[in-house]
Amino acid sequence: MISYNATSAYECSGKLVQKSDGTFGCASTSVSPVIMTFVVIGAAIGLLLFTGSILLFLRKTAGRVIVIIVAALSALGSLGSLVTPASSSLTSGAGVAIGLVQAAVAVLMLSLAAAPSTGRWIRAAQQRPSYPQGGYQQY
């Protein structure tokens, strides 16, 4: 006989599942520590890339260095996550495609930030000539 506990249905915010004794209860959903680690590392990489890109748009050498380092780490991390998947559910075709796209974007950022033209663009802003203030002509 299947029984139903009315209070558990209203206290449950997730799925309702049948337990082994025939009652219904909330399904426990917990996040794997490995996945949580990937989320924290991804947030840190995103914050560093945002900071580096702002500094790069301001033509600062520090922004270029930050973007190069973080893009290299991101490319290595995304390729590493393809080699050692966090869980069996992430090894699907979509998970592999996402990892490859992430690696491709990281390599593209790395190559564009490390390009010599980017260095020349930054140096051009730092070497702007300062024009002297002209005096007023007397009539």
C-alpha atoms as a PDB file:
ATOM      1  CA  MET A   1       0.000   0.000   0.000  1.00  0.00           C
ATOM      2  CA  ILE A   2       1.309   3.412  -0.929  1.00  0.00           C
ATOM      3  CA  SER A   3       0.810   6.157   1.621  1.00  0.00           C
ATOM      4  CA  TYR A   4       1.196   9.846   1.124  1.00  0.00           C
ATOM      5  CA  ASN A   5       2.433  12.307   3.711  1.00  0.00           C
ATOM      6  CA  ALA A   6       0.699  15.619   3.007  1.00  0.00           C
ATOM      7  CA  THR A   7       3.148  17.737   4.979  1.00  0.00           C
ATOM      8  CA  SER A   8       6.180  16.548   3.046  1.00  0.00           C
ATOM      9  CA  ALA A   9       4.662  17.681  -0.247  1.00  0.00           C
ATOM     10  CA  TYR A  10       4.412  21.264   0.934  1.00  0.00           C
ATOM     11  CA  GLU A  11       7.822  21.325   2.618  1.00  0.00           C
ATOM     12  CA  CYS A  12       9.583  19.886  -0.394  1.00  0.00           C
ATOM     13  CA  SER A  13      11.064  22.230  -2.961  1.00  0.00           C
ATOM     14  CA  GLY A  14      12.546  19.500  -5.155  1.00  0.00           C
ATOM     15  CA  LYS A  15      11.248  16.282  -6.658  1.00  0.00           C
ATOM     16  CA  LEU A  16       8.924  14.016  -4.746  1.00  0.00           C
ATOM     17  CA  VAL A  17      10.167  10.426  -4.764  1.00  0.00           C
ATOM     18  CA  GLN A  18       8.824   7.198  -3.355  1.00  0.00           C
ATOM     19  CA  LYS A  19      10.890   5.776  -0.515  1.00  0.00           C
ATOM     20  CA  SER A  20      11.491   2.088   0.150  1.00  0.00           C
ATOM     21  CA  ASP A  21       8.772   1.943   2.840  1.00  0.00           C
ATOM     22  CA  GLY A  22       6.111   3.185   0.416  1.00  0.00           C
ATOM     23  CA  THR A  23       5.937   6.794   1.594  1.00  0.00           C
ATOM     24  CA  PHE A  24       6.856   9.792  -0.467  1.00  0.00           C
ATOM     25  CA  GLY A  25       9.504  12.308   0.444  1.00  0.00           C
ATOM     26  CA  CYS A  26      11.826  14.919  -0.952  1.00  0.00           C
ATOM     27  CA  ALA A  27      14.645  13.875  -3.205  1.00  0.00           C
ATOM     28  CA  SER A  28      17.946  15.034  -1.828  1.00  0.00           C
ATOM     29  CA  THR A  29      19.999  16.900  -4.343  1.00  0.00           C
ATOM     30  CA  SER A  30      23.551  17.529  -3.328  1.00  0.00           C
ATOM     31  CA  VAL A  31      26.296  19.034  -5.396  1.00  0.00           C
ATOM     32  CA  SER A  32      29.489  17.073  -5.789  1.00  0.00           C
ATOM     33  CA  PRO A  33      32.550  18.710  -4.212  1.00  0.00           C
ATOM     34  CA  VAL A  34      34.440  18.286  -7.483  1.00  0.00           C
ATOM     35  CA  ILE A  35      31.772  20.174  -9.402  1.00  0.00           C
ATOM     36  CA  MET A  36      31.685  22.881  -6.740  1.00  0.00           C
ATOM     37  CA  THR A  37      35.467  23.211  -7.092  1.00  0.00           C
ATOM     38  CA  PHE A  38      35.076  23.669 -10.854  1.00  0.00           C
ATOM     39  CA  VAL A  39      32.453  26.376 -10.246  1.00  0.00           C
ATOM     40  CA  VAL A  40      34.712  28.286  -7.843  1.00  0.00           C
ATOM     41  CA  ILE A  41      37.721  28.028 -10.152  1.00  0.00           C
ATOM     42  CA  GLY A  42      35.581  29.107 -13.121  1.00  0.00           C
ATOM     43  CA  ALA A  43      34.310  32.135 -11.210  1.00  0.00           C
ATOM     44  CA  ALA A  44      37.865  33.123 -10.271  1.00  0.00           C
ATOM     45  CA  ILE A  45      39.013  32.749 -13.883  1.00  0.00           C
ATOM     46  CA  GLY A  46      36.067  34.817 -15.081  1.00  0.00           C
ATOM     47  CA  LEU A  47      36.795  37.587 -12.584  1.00  0.00           C
ATOM     48  CA  LEU A  48      40.482  37.676 -13.528  1.00  0.00           C
ATOM     49  CA  LEU A  49      39.652  37.727 -17.253  1.00  0.00           C
ATOM     50  CA  PHE A  50      37.188  40.575 -16.688  1.00  0.00           C
ATOM     51  CA  THR A  51      39.802  42.563 -14.762  1.00  0.00           C
ATOM     52  CA  GLY A  52      42.481  41.844 -17.365  1.00  0.00           C
ATOM     53  CA  SER A  53      40.217  42.829 -20.244  1.00  0.00           C
ATOM     54  CA  ILE A  54      39.312  46.145 -18.617  1.00  0.00           C
ATOM     55  CA  LEU A  55      43.007  46.890 -18.053  1.00  0.00           C
ATOM     56  CA  LEU A  56      43.770  45.826 -21.622  1.00  0.00           C
ATOM     57  CA  PHE A  57      41.117  48.190 -22.995  1.00  0.00           C
ATOM     58  CA  LEU A  58      42.810  50.918 -20.948  1.00  0.00           C
ATOM     59  CA  ARG A  59      46.052  49.951 -22.750  1.00  0.00           C
ATOM     60  CA  LYS A  60      47.865  48.747 -19.646  1.00  0.00           C
ATOM     61  CA  THR A  61      50.581  46.118 -19.881  1.00  0.00           C
ATOM     62  CA  ALA A  62      49.298  44.489 -16.697  1.00  0.00           C
ATOM     63  CA  GLY A  63      46.009  43.722 -18.458  1.00  0.00           C
ATOM     64  CA  ARG A  64      47.833  41.986 -21.277  1.00  0.00           C
ATOM     65  CA  VAL A  65      49.864  39.895 -18.837  1.00  0.00           C
ATOM     66  CA  ILE A  66      46.762  38.939 -16.811  1.00  0.00           C
ATOM     67  CA  VAL A  67      44.851  37.904 -19.933  1.00  0.00           C
ATOM     68  CA  ILE A  68      47.786  35.835 -21.237  1.00  0.00           C
ATOM     69  CA  ILE A  69      48.306  33.988 -17.942  1.00  0.00           C
ATOM     70  CA  VAL A  70      44.627  33.355 -17.222  1.00  0.00           C
ATOM     71  CA  ALA A  71      43.863  32.302 -20.807  1.00  0.00           C
ATOM     72  CA  ALA A  72      46.725  29.799 -20.690  1.00  0.00           C
ATOM     73  CA  LEU A  73      45.487  28.409 -17.379  1.00  0.00           C
ATOM     74  CA  SER A  74      41.936  28.264 -18.706  1.00  0.00           C
ATOM     75  CA  ALA A  75      43.019  26.383 -21.835  1.00  0.00           C
ATOM     76  CA  LEU A  76      45.000  23.889 -19.781  1.00  0.00           C
ATOM     77  CA  GLY A  77      42.141  23.487 -17.317  1.00  0.00           C
ATOM     78  CA  SER A  78      39.519  22.900 -19.975  1.00  0.00           C
ATOM     79  CA  LEU A  79      41.685  20.326 -21.729  1.00  0.00           C
ATOM     80  CA  GLY A  80      42.441  18.729 -18.370  1.00  0.00           C
ATOM     81  CA  SER A  81      38.758  18.478 -17.559  1.00  0.00           C
ATOM     82  CA  LEU A  82      38.235  16.608 -20.827  1.00  0.00           C
ATOM     83  CA  VAL A  83      40.907  14.083 -19.884  1.00  0.00           C
ATOM     84  CA  THR A  84      39.633  13.550 -16.330  1.00  0.00           C
ATOM     85  CA  PRO A  85      35.869  14.185 -16.259  1.00  0.00           C
ATOM     86  CA  ALA A  86      34.276  15.277 -12.984  1.00  0.00           C
ATOM     87  CA  SER A  87      31.483  12.739 -13.194  1.00  0.00           C
ATOM     88  CA  SER A  88      30.108  10.213 -15.635  1.00  0.00           C
ATOM     89  CA  SER A  89      27.192  12.489 -16.545  1.00  0.00           C
ATOM     90  CA  LEU A  90      29.597  15.115 -17.892  1.00  0.00           C
ATOM     91  CA  THR A  91      31.216  12.785 -20.402  1.00  0.00           C
ATOM     92  CA  SER A  92      28.357  13.118 -22.861  1.00  0.00           C
ATOM     93  CA  GLY A  93      28.870  14.632 -26.277  1.00  0.00           C
ATOM     94  CA  ALA A  94      27.572  18.000 -25.107  1.00  0.00           C
ATOM     95  CA  GLY A  95      30.059  18.091 -22.227  1.00  0.00           C
ATOM     96  CA  VAL A  96      32.958  17.319 -24.538  1.00  0.00           C
ATOM     97  CA  ALA A  97      31.774  19.958 -27.024  1.00  0.00           C
ATOM     98  CA  ILE A  98      31.557  22.587 -24.278  1.00  0.00           C
ATOM     99  CA  GLY A  99      35.073  21.724 -23.110  1.00  0.00           C
ATOM    100  CA  LEU A 100      36.460  21.986 -26.633  1.00  0.00           C
ATOM    101  CA  VAL A 101      34.750  25.330 -27.257  1.00  0.00           C
ATOM    102  CA  GLN A 102      36.109  26.656 -23.962  1.00  0.00           C
ATOM    103  CA  ALA A 103      39.617  25.530 -24.903  1.00  0.00           C
ATOM    104  CA  ALA A 104      39.319  27.094 -28.370  1.00  0.00           C
ATOM    105  CA  VAL A 105      38.166  30.441 -26.954  1.00  0.00           C
ATOM    106  CA  ALA A 106      40.977  30.410 -24.390  1.00  0.00           C
ATOM    107  CA  VAL A 107      43.590  29.689 -27.081  1.00  0.00           C
ATOM    108  CA  LEU A 108      42.140  32.487 -29.235  1.00  0.00           C
ATOM    109  CA  MET A 109      42.345  34.960 -26.327  1.00  0.00           C
ATOM    110  CA  LEU A 110      45.879  33.817 -25.576  1.00  0.00           C
ATOM    111  CA  SER A 111      47.061  34.223 -29.151  1.00  0.00           C
ATOM    112  CA  LEU A 112      45.447  37.656 -29.600  1.00  0.00           C
ATOM    113  CA  ALA A 113      46.801  39.000 -26.303  1.00  0.00           C
ATOM    114  CA  ALA A 114      50.292  37.636 -27.000  1.00  0.00           C
ATOM    115  CA  ALA A 115      50.400  38.996 -30.555  1.00  0.00           C
ATOM    116  CA  PRO A 116      53.116  41.581 -31.209  1.00  0.00           C
ATOM    117  CA  SER A 117      50.536  44.002 -32.570  1.00  0.00           C
ATOM    118  CA  THR A 118      48.851  44.078 -29.161  1.00  0.00           C
ATOM    119  CA  GLY A 119      52.140  45.095 -27.561  1.00  0.00           C
ATOM    120  CA  ARG A 120      52.647  47.837 -30.157  1.00  0.00           C
ATOM    121  CA  TRP A 121      49.102  49.077 -29.553  1.00  0.00           C
ATOM    122  CA  ILE A 122      49.764  49.337 -25.814  1.00  0.00           C
ATOM    123  CA  ARG A 123      53.153  51.053 -26.322  1.00  0.00           C
ATOM    124  CA  ALA A 124      51.604  53.570 -28.732  1.00  0.00           C
ATOM    125  CA  ALA A 125      49.286  54.799 -26.001  1.00  0.00           C
ATOM    126  CA  GLN A 126      52.133  55.063 -23.498  1.00  0.00           C
ATOM    127  CA  GLN A 127      54.350  57.064 -25.866  1.00  0.00           C
ATOM    128  CA  ARG A 128      51.885  59.739 -26.868  1.00  0.00           C
ATOM    129  CA  PRO A 129      53.662  63.031 -27.307  1.00  0.00           C
ATOM    130  CA  SER A 130      52.564  65.766 -24.986  1.00  0.00           C
ATOM    131  CA  TYR A 131      51.899  68.899 -26.912  1.00  0.00           C
ATOM    132  CA  PRO A 132      52.992  72.099 -25.224  1.00  0.00           C
ATOM    133  CA  GLN A 133      50.295  74.534 -24.312  1.00  0.00           C
ATOM    134  CA  GLY A 134      50.427  77.378 -26.715  1.00  0.00           C
ATOM    135  CA  GLY A 135      50.541  80.873 -25.368  1.00  0.00           C
ATOM    136  CA  TYR A 136      48.207  83.593 -26.483  1.00  0.00           C
ATOM    137  CA  GLN A 137      49.509  85.830 -29.229  1.00  0.00           C
ATOM    138  CA  GLN A 138      49.651  89.472 -28.464  1.00  0.00           C
ATOM    139  CA  TYR A 139      48.065  91.791 -31.012  1.00  0.00           C
END
